[in-house]
Amino acid sequence: FTLDYFGKQIVFSHCPIQIKDGQINVHGHVHSKERLLEYQTVLTDRHILVTPEKHGYYVLSLKALIA
């Protein structure tokens, strides 16, 4: 799903997906470096990985993620 938040268009998905200019993709699914290689043609600096082990199993605020 897509959400307009703090003036940004955020696309939420399970796996990293292609996004349009101006969008941010918040996603999970990539739990290892090997899995990351599967998506290297899709990933940009506007893809934010939120798998729990990457962030120490803490709850993350969306505002902090997109800042």
C-alpha atoms as a PDB file:
ATOM      1  CA  PHE A   1       0.000   0.000   0.000  1.00  0.00           C
ATOM      2  CA  THR A   2       1.020   3.619  -0.453  1.00  0.00           C
ATOM      3  CA  LEU A   3       0.815   6.397   2.117  1.00  0.00           C
ATOM      4  CA  ASP A   4       1.514  10.124   1.862  1.00  0.00           C
ATOM      5  CA  TYR A   5       3.380  10.994   5.051  1.00  0.00           C
ATOM      6  CA  PHE A   6       5.385  14.101   5.964  1.00  0.00           C
ATOM      7  CA  GLY A   7       5.237  15.225   2.354  1.00  0.00           C
ATOM      8  CA  LYS A   8       6.669  11.961   1.019  1.00  0.00           C
ATOM      9  CA  GLN A   9       4.991   9.122  -0.842  1.00  0.00           C
ATOM     10  CA  ILE A  10       5.876   5.887   0.932  1.00  0.00           C
ATOM     11  CA  VAL A  11       5.248   2.485  -0.640  1.00  0.00           C
ATOM     12  CA  PHE A  12       5.113  -0.378   1.871  1.00  0.00           C
ATOM     13  CA  SER A  13       5.842  -3.897   0.654  1.00  0.00           C
ATOM     14  CA  HIS A  14       7.087  -7.225   1.910  1.00  0.00           C
ATOM     15  CA  CYS A  15       9.926  -7.478  -0.634  1.00  0.00           C
ATOM     16  CA  PRO A  16      11.829  -4.581  -2.219  1.00  0.00           C
ATOM     17  CA  ILE A  17       9.970  -3.395  -5.323  1.00  0.00           C
ATOM     18  CA  GLN A  18      10.542  -0.984  -8.189  1.00  0.00           C
ATOM     19  CA  ILE A  19       9.467   2.517  -7.214  1.00  0.00           C
ATOM     20  CA  LYS A  20       8.874   5.732  -9.116  1.00  0.00           C
ATOM     21  CA  ASP A  21      10.887   8.916  -8.715  1.00  0.00           C
ATOM     22  CA  GLY A  22       9.928  10.655  -5.500  1.00  0.00           C
ATOM     23  CA  GLN A  23       8.738   7.481  -3.768  1.00  0.00           C
ATOM     24  CA  ILE A  24      10.299   5.649  -0.822  1.00  0.00           C
ATOM     25  CA  ASN A  25       9.936   1.886  -0.402  1.00  0.00           C
ATOM     26  CA  VAL A  26       9.770   0.590   3.181  1.00  0.00           C
ATOM     27  CA  HIS A  27      10.170  -3.181   3.037  1.00  0.00           C
ATOM     28  CA  GLY A  28      11.296  -6.278   4.877  1.00  0.00           C
ATOM     29  CA  HIS A  29      12.140  -9.755   3.566  1.00  0.00           C
ATOM     30  CA  VAL A  30      15.898  -9.256   3.104  1.00  0.00           C
ATOM     31  CA  HIS A  31      17.299 -11.093   6.123  1.00  0.00           C
ATOM     32  CA  SER A  32      20.798 -11.870   4.823  1.00  0.00           C
ATOM     33  CA  LYS A  33      23.504 -10.536   2.510  1.00  0.00           C
ATOM     34  CA  GLU A  34      22.817 -13.416   0.145  1.00  0.00           C
ATOM     35  CA  ARG A  35      19.154 -12.426  -0.116  1.00  0.00           C
ATOM     36  CA  LEU A  36      20.204  -8.801  -0.673  1.00  0.00           C
ATOM     37  CA  LEU A  37      22.024  -9.849  -3.854  1.00  0.00           C
ATOM     38  CA  GLU A  38      18.737 -11.103  -5.305  1.00  0.00           C
ATOM     39  CA  TYR A  39      17.385  -7.545  -5.257  1.00  0.00           C
ATOM     40  CA  GLN A  40      20.457  -5.537  -6.252  1.00  0.00           C
ATOM     41  CA  THR A  41      18.847  -4.420  -9.522  1.00  0.00           C
ATOM     42  CA  VAL A  42      15.897  -2.938  -7.598  1.00  0.00           C
ATOM     43  CA  LEU A  43      17.502  -1.404  -4.504  1.00  0.00           C
ATOM     44  CA  THR A  44      18.282   2.313  -4.350  1.00  0.00           C
ATOM     45  CA  ASP A  45      18.997   4.799  -1.588  1.00  0.00           C
ATOM     46  CA  ARG A  46      15.196   5.229  -1.371  1.00  0.00           C
ATOM     47  CA  HIS A  47      14.640   1.645  -0.174  1.00  0.00           C
ATOM     48  CA  ILE A  48      14.474   1.269   3.598  1.00  0.00           C
ATOM     49  CA  LEU A  49      14.908  -2.209   5.024  1.00  0.00           C
ATOM     50  CA  VAL A  50      13.013  -2.794   8.273  1.00  0.00           C
ATOM     51  CA  THR A  51      13.727  -6.448   9.032  1.00  0.00           C
ATOM     52  CA  PRO A  52      13.757  -6.759  12.823  1.00  0.00           C
ATOM     53  CA  GLU A  53      17.230  -8.268  13.170  1.00  0.00           C
ATOM     54  CA  LYS A  54      18.753  -5.327  11.296  1.00  0.00           C
ATOM     55  CA  HIS A  55      17.412  -2.891  13.898  1.00  0.00           C
ATOM     56  CA  GLY A  56      18.007  -4.907  17.063  1.00  0.00           C
ATOM     57  CA  TYR A  57      14.347  -6.000  17.288  1.00  0.00           C
ATOM     58  CA  TYR A  58      13.251  -2.501  18.316  1.00  0.00           C
ATOM     59  CA  VAL A  59      10.107  -0.749  17.167  1.00  0.00           C
ATOM     60  CA  LEU A  60      11.004   1.959  14.664  1.00  0.00           C
ATOM     61  CA  SER A  61       9.097   5.164  14.078  1.00  0.00           C
ATOM     62  CA  LEU A  62       8.166   5.911  10.500  1.00  0.00           C
ATOM     63  CA  LYS A  63       9.094   9.556  11.015  1.00  0.00           C
ATOM     64  CA  ALA A  64      12.634   8.579  12.068  1.00  0.00           C
ATOM     65  CA  LEU A  65      12.996   6.134   9.177  1.00  0.00           C
ATOM     66  CA  ILE A  66      12.226   8.640   6.466  1.00  0.00           C
ATOM     67  CA  ALA A  67      14.109  11.548   8.058  1.00  0.00           C
END
